[in-house]
N, C-alpha and C. Protein backbone atom coordinates (compact mmCIF):
# COMPACT_ATOMS: atom_id res chain seq x y z
N MET A 1 100.65 176.83 69.94
CA MET A 1 100.09 177.06 69.56
C MET A 1 100.90 178.08 68.31
N ARG A 2 101.51 177.59 66.85
CA ARG A 2 102.19 178.68 66.45
C ARG A 2 101.02 179.23 65.64
N GLN A 3 101.72 180.37 65.21
CA GLN A 3 100.88 181.13 64.03
C GLN A 3 101.78 181.36 62.83
N ARG A 4 100.90 181.39 61.56
CA ARG A 4 101.45 181.48 59.91
C ARG A 4 100.56 181.79 59.80
N LYS A 5 101.19 182.95 59.29
CA LYS A 5 101.26 183.96 58.33
C LYS A 5 101.27 184.09 56.43
N TRP A 6 99.79 184.10 56.09
CA TRP A 6 99.73 183.74 54.70
C TRP A 6 100.01 184.63 53.62
N ILE A 7 100.87 185.43 53.04
CA ILE A 7 101.23 185.83 52.00
C ILE A 7 100.08 186.53 50.94
N GLY A 8 100.04 187.60 51.37
CA GLY A 8 99.29 188.05 50.12
C GLY A 8 98.42 188.55 50.40
N THR A 9 98.28 188.32 52.32
CA THR A 9 97.08 188.49 52.80
C THR A 9 97.53 189.51 54.64
N ASP A 10 96.35 188.73 54.80
CA ASP A 10 96.78 189.18 56.73
C ASP A 10 96.43 188.56 57.27
N SER A 11 95.65 186.74 56.79
CA SER A 11 95.43 185.78 57.39
C SER A 11 96.23 185.29 58.14
N LEU A 12 96.24 185.23 59.72
CA LEU A 12 97.06 184.72 60.12
C LEU A 12 96.14 182.90 60.74
N GLU A 13 97.01 181.32 60.34
CA GLU A 13 96.27 180.62 61.22
C GLU A 13 96.80 179.95 61.78
N SER A 14 97.04 179.65 63.38
CA SER A 14 96.96 178.47 64.03
C SER A 14 97.25 177.42 64.30
N ILE A 15 98.27 177.07 63.72
CA ILE A 15 99.08 175.36 64.04
C ILE A 15 99.30 174.77 65.46
N ASP A 16 98.33 174.16 65.05
CA ASP A 16 98.79 173.00 66.76
C ASP A 16 99.96 172.59 66.65
N VAL A 17 99.63 171.97 67.32
CA VAL A 17 101.14 170.27 67.51
C VAL A 17 101.30 169.01 67.34
N ARG A 18 100.00 168.27 66.85
CA ARG A 18 100.76 167.95 65.50
C ARG A 18 100.50 168.60 64.31
N GLN A 19 100.41 168.86 64.52
CA GLN A 19 100.13 169.80 62.74
C GLN A 19 102.46 170.07 62.96
N GLN A 20 102.07 171.21 63.47
CA GLN A 20 103.02 171.65 63.57
C GLN A 20 104.90 170.72 63.04
N ARG A 21 104.09 169.34 63.35
CA ARG A 21 105.37 167.87 63.71
C ARG A 21 105.37 167.96 62.16
N LEU A 22 104.36 168.16 62.17
CA LEU A 22 104.39 167.60 60.58
C LEU A 22 105.04 168.66 59.28
N LEU A 23 105.12 170.04 59.69
CA LEU A 23 106.03 170.71 58.62
C LEU A 23 107.01 170.91 58.95
N ASN A 24 107.74 170.31 60.61
CA ASN A 24 108.84 170.64 60.86
C ASN A 24 109.37 169.65 59.92
N LEU A 25 109.18 168.49 59.51
CA LEU A 25 109.40 166.62 59.43
C LEU A 25 109.50 167.04 57.74
N VAL A 26 108.68 167.68 57.73
CA VAL A 26 108.39 167.73 55.80
C VAL A 26 109.69 168.75 55.68
N LEU A 27 110.28 170.03 56.19
CA LEU A 27 111.37 170.90 55.98
C LEU A 27 112.34 169.84 56.20
N GLN A 28 112.68 169.33 57.27
CA GLN A 28 114.31 168.89 58.02
C GLN A 28 114.17 167.96 56.56
N LYS A 29 113.17 167.05 56.09
CA LYS A 29 113.33 166.20 55.42
C LYS A 29 113.67 166.97 53.88
N VAL A 30 112.64 167.89 53.18
CA VAL A 30 113.56 168.96 52.32
C VAL A 30 114.89 169.58 52.42
N ARG A 31 115.74 169.49 53.12
CA ARG A 31 117.44 170.22 53.87
C ARG A 31 116.95 169.03 53.89
N TYR A 32 117.14 168.02 53.28
CA TYR A 32 118.00 166.47 54.42
C TYR A 32 118.75 166.22 52.89
N TYR A 33 117.43 166.65 51.86
CA TYR A 33 117.62 166.11 50.51
C TYR A 33 118.81 166.99 50.10
N TYR A 34 118.45 167.99 50.07
CA TYR A 34 119.29 169.09 49.28
C TYR A 34 120.82 169.01 50.31
N ALA A 35 120.31 168.64 50.97
CA ALA A 35 121.50 169.19 51.53
C ALA A 35 122.73 167.63 51.21
N GLU A 36 122.24 166.13 51.48
CA GLU A 36 122.94 165.27 52.10
C GLU A 36 122.83 164.51 50.04
N LEU A 37 121.44 163.79 49.84
CA LEU A 37 121.45 163.24 48.55
C LEU A 37 121.78 164.32 47.42
N HIS A 38 121.32 165.55 47.71
CA HIS A 38 121.48 166.27 45.83
C HIS A 38 122.19 166.36 45.45
N GLN A 39 122.75 165.53 43.35
CA GLN A 39 123.87 165.26 43.29
C GLN A 39 124.53 164.24 43.64
N THR A 40 124.32 163.16 44.38
CA THR A 40 125.13 162.41 44.70
C THR A 40 125.54 161.17 44.26
N ARG A 41 124.15 161.27 43.26
CA ARG A 41 123.69 160.02 43.10
C ARG A 41 122.68 159.81 41.48
N ASP A 42 122.67 159.07 40.25
CA ASP A 42 121.68 159.26 39.87
C ASP A 42 120.32 159.68 39.76
N CYS A 43 119.80 159.10 40.37
CA CYS A 43 118.93 158.65 41.07
C CYS A 43 118.32 160.54 41.73
N TYR A 44 119.10 161.41 42.22
CA TYR A 44 119.42 162.49 43.16
C TYR A 44 119.40 163.45 42.09
N LYS A 45 119.49 163.35 40.91
CA LYS A 45 120.18 164.62 39.58
C LYS A 45 118.66 165.14 40.13
N TYR A 46 117.58 165.12 40.07
CA TYR A 46 116.71 165.90 39.60
C TYR A 46 115.98 166.36 40.77
N PRO A 47 115.61 167.85 40.76
CA PRO A 47 115.19 168.68 41.74
C PRO A 47 113.47 167.38 42.83
N LEU A 48 113.69 167.83 43.93
CA LEU A 48 113.06 166.93 45.22
C LEU A 48 111.71 166.86 44.07
N SER A 49 110.91 165.69 44.55
CA SER A 49 109.71 165.47 43.68
C SER A 49 108.53 165.09 44.89
N LEU A 50 107.40 165.30 44.40
CA LEU A 50 106.13 164.80 45.79
C LEU A 50 106.58 163.80 46.22
N SER A 51 106.66 163.23 44.90
CA SER A 51 106.79 161.16 45.72
C SER A 51 107.95 160.76 45.87
N ARG A 52 109.32 161.71 45.87
CA ARG A 52 110.35 161.25 46.60
C ARG A 52 109.93 160.87 47.78
N LEU A 53 109.79 162.19 48.19
CA LEU A 53 109.63 163.86 49.57
C LEU A 53 108.45 162.69 50.50
N MET A 54 107.82 162.53 50.14
CA MET A 54 105.93 160.88 50.70
C MET A 54 107.19 159.80 51.54
N LYS A 55 108.21 159.82 50.56
CA LYS A 55 108.53 158.41 51.12
C LYS A 55 109.75 158.67 51.75
N LEU A 56 110.08 159.94 51.77
CA LEU A 56 111.26 159.99 52.80
C LEU A 56 110.96 160.61 54.05
N CYS A 57 109.15 161.44 53.81
CA CYS A 57 109.12 161.56 55.15
C CYS A 57 107.33 160.16 55.36
N ASN A 58 108.19 158.97 55.00
CA ASN A 58 106.29 157.77 55.69
C ASN A 58 105.63 158.82 55.02
N ARG A 59 105.61 159.66 54.40
CA ARG A 59 103.39 159.92 54.58
C ARG A 59 102.59 159.85 53.67
N SER A 60 101.41 159.82 53.13
CA SER A 60 100.41 159.79 52.22
C SER A 60 100.86 161.11 51.18
N GLY A 61 99.95 161.22 49.92
CA GLY A 61 100.53 162.39 49.46
C GLY A 61 99.56 163.55 49.80
N THR A 62 98.99 162.71 50.37
CA THR A 62 97.95 163.83 50.75
C THR A 62 98.31 164.70 51.68
N ARG A 63 99.06 164.03 52.95
CA ARG A 63 99.25 164.70 53.79
C ARG A 63 100.87 165.60 53.98
N THR A 64 101.19 165.47 53.06
CA THR A 64 102.14 165.50 52.50
C THR A 64 102.57 167.11 51.24
N LEU A 65 101.61 166.96 50.75
CA LEU A 65 100.99 168.37 49.69
C LEU A 65 100.54 169.65 51.23
N MET A 66 99.54 169.06 51.80
CA MET A 66 99.04 169.84 52.50
C MET A 66 100.22 171.04 53.35
N ALA A 67 101.13 170.13 53.39
CA ALA A 67 102.16 170.49 54.34
C ALA A 67 103.71 171.50 53.21
N VAL A 68 104.03 171.01 51.63
CA VAL A 68 104.59 171.89 51.28
C VAL A 68 103.70 173.02 50.31
N ARG A 69 101.96 172.77 51.03
CA ARG A 69 101.37 174.04 50.10
C ARG A 69 101.33 174.88 51.40
N ILE A 70 101.47 174.13 52.79
CA ILE A 70 101.10 175.87 53.57
C ILE A 70 103.25 175.77 54.12
N LEU A 71 103.51 175.38 54.10
CA LEU A 71 105.03 175.67 54.09
C LEU A 71 105.45 176.97 52.37
N SER A 72 105.43 176.59 51.94
CA SER A 72 105.47 177.45 50.57
C SER A 72 104.36 178.89 50.45
N HIS A 73 103.00 179.21 50.93
CA HIS A 73 102.20 179.38 50.53
C HIS A 73 102.69 180.52 52.70
N SER A 74 103.15 180.81 53.64
CA SER A 74 102.77 181.37 54.31
C SER A 74 104.74 180.83 55.46
N TYR A 75 103.87 181.65 56.68
CA TYR A 75 105.85 182.06 56.83
C TYR A 75 105.77 181.92 58.30
N ASP A 76 106.38 181.58 59.09
CA ASP A 76 105.89 181.20 60.96
C ASP A 76 106.49 183.19 61.57
N VAL A 77 105.86 183.87 61.96
CA VAL A 77 105.66 184.36 61.87
C VAL A 77 106.83 185.15 63.05
N GLU A 78 107.34 184.71 64.44
CA GLU A 78 107.66 184.68 65.28
C GLU A 78 109.46 184.60 64.41
N LEU A 79 109.12 183.26 63.39
CA LEU A 79 111.43 183.12 63.40
C LEU A 79 111.18 183.11 61.83
N GLU A 80 110.36 183.31 61.31
CA GLU A 80 110.60 183.70 59.86
C GLU A 80 110.17 184.86 59.12
N ARG A 81 110.52 185.79 57.95
CA ARG A 81 110.35 186.71 56.88
C ARG A 81 110.12 185.97 55.89
N GLU A 82 109.73 185.07 55.51
CA GLU A 82 108.96 184.32 53.91
C GLU A 82 109.18 183.19 54.36
N PRO A 83 108.06 182.30 52.81
CA PRO A 83 108.14 180.89 53.67
C PRO A 83 109.96 180.22 52.55
N PRO A 84 109.32 179.24 53.76
CA PRO A 84 110.85 177.62 53.93
C PRO A 84 110.73 177.94 52.62
N LEU A 85 110.22 177.01 51.17
CA LEU A 85 109.65 176.36 50.38
C LEU A 85 109.11 177.12 49.65
N TYR A 86 109.65 177.06 48.33
CA TYR A 86 108.50 177.30 46.92
C TYR A 86 108.38 175.82 46.23
N TYR A 87 107.28 175.69 45.33
CA TYR A 87 107.56 174.64 44.43
C TYR A 87 106.97 175.58 42.93
N GLU A 88 107.69 174.64 41.71
CA GLU A 88 106.83 174.68 40.65
C GLU A 88 106.39 173.48 39.72
N ARG A 89 105.25 173.69 39.25
CA ARG A 89 104.91 172.53 38.45
C ARG A 89 105.22 172.91 37.10
N VAL A 90 106.29 172.47 36.61
CA VAL A 90 106.21 172.04 34.55
C VAL A 90 105.75 171.22 33.93
N SER A 91 105.12 170.98 33.07
CA SER A 91 104.51 170.30 32.07
C SER A 91 105.71 168.85 31.51
N SER A 92 105.05 167.78 31.47
CA SER A 92 106.22 167.34 30.92
C SER A 92 105.45 167.22 29.36
N SER A 93 107.79 167.32 28.61
CA SER A 93 107.65 167.87 27.03
C SER A 93 107.01 166.53 26.74
N LYS A 94 106.71 164.83 27.35
CA LYS A 94 105.95 164.22 26.34
C LYS A 94 104.90 164.29 26.30
N ASN A 95 103.96 164.77 27.89
CA ASN A 95 102.66 164.22 28.37
C ASN A 95 102.39 165.73 28.90
N PRO A 96 102.10 166.80 28.05
CA PRO A 96 101.32 168.38 28.77
C PRO A 96 100.85 168.27 30.02
N MET A 97 100.07 167.11 30.33
CA MET A 97 99.05 166.54 31.16
C MET A 97 99.75 166.61 32.40
N HIS A 98 100.93 165.72 32.10
CA HIS A 98 101.60 165.74 33.66
C HIS A 98 102.05 166.86 33.29
N ARG A 99 102.26 167.12 35.01
CA ARG A 99 102.67 168.08 35.69
C ARG A 99 103.04 168.07 37.33
N PRO A 100 104.60 167.79 37.42
CA PRO A 100 105.07 166.35 38.57
C PRO A 100 105.37 168.26 39.54
N TYR A 101 105.61 167.95 40.77
CA TYR A 101 105.80 168.78 41.40
C TYR A 101 107.39 169.15 41.66
N ARG A 102 107.89 170.15 41.57
CA ARG A 102 109.14 170.53 42.39
C ARG A 102 109.96 170.59 43.25
N ILE A 103 110.49 170.81 44.50
CA ILE A 103 110.26 171.52 45.19
C ILE A 103 111.47 171.62 45.46
N PHE A 104 111.72 172.59 45.96
CA PHE A 104 112.67 173.09 46.31
C PHE A 104 112.69 174.23 47.75
N LEU A 105 114.10 174.34 48.23
CA LEU A 105 114.24 175.37 49.61
C LEU A 105 114.52 176.88 48.95
N ARG A 106 113.86 177.62 49.82
CA ARG A 106 113.57 179.06 48.82
C ARG A 106 115.86 179.51 49.69
N SER A 107 116.15 180.92 49.43
CA SER A 107 117.34 181.86 49.18
C SER A 107 117.34 181.79 50.92
N PRO A 108 118.31 181.39 52.09
CA PRO A 108 117.70 182.11 53.41
C PRO A 108 118.49 183.48 53.21
N HIS A 109 119.40 183.72 52.28
CA HIS A 109 119.26 185.28 52.08
C HIS A 109 118.33 185.73 51.47
N GLY A 110 116.96 185.68 50.99
CA GLY A 110 115.73 185.85 50.88
C GLY A 110 115.91 185.82 48.81
N SER A 111 114.64 185.55 48.31
CA SER A 111 114.98 184.97 46.86
C SER A 111 114.61 186.63 45.58
């Protein structure tokens, strides 16, 4: 079991093998999107959205969002010093109630 430390607290959470596989899959697909797909075609010119990540991972929105939140708010004690992802939710200009997720990789050199 892997240990993840939550940012801003001293809490450690044990992640079982099944959860770790999901976290690895989501992180792999985010890296794939920014390394291979982003800016290659018009449909990939925008930051990674939750719906596109769901399609890349072939997982439900709930599971994908849970993985993104874990990867954004905690880090692996043994491998990382900060969370590998971050996301933002910006209101749409046409409909301020619509606040889509925009998911980004955190810089490997710190942010």
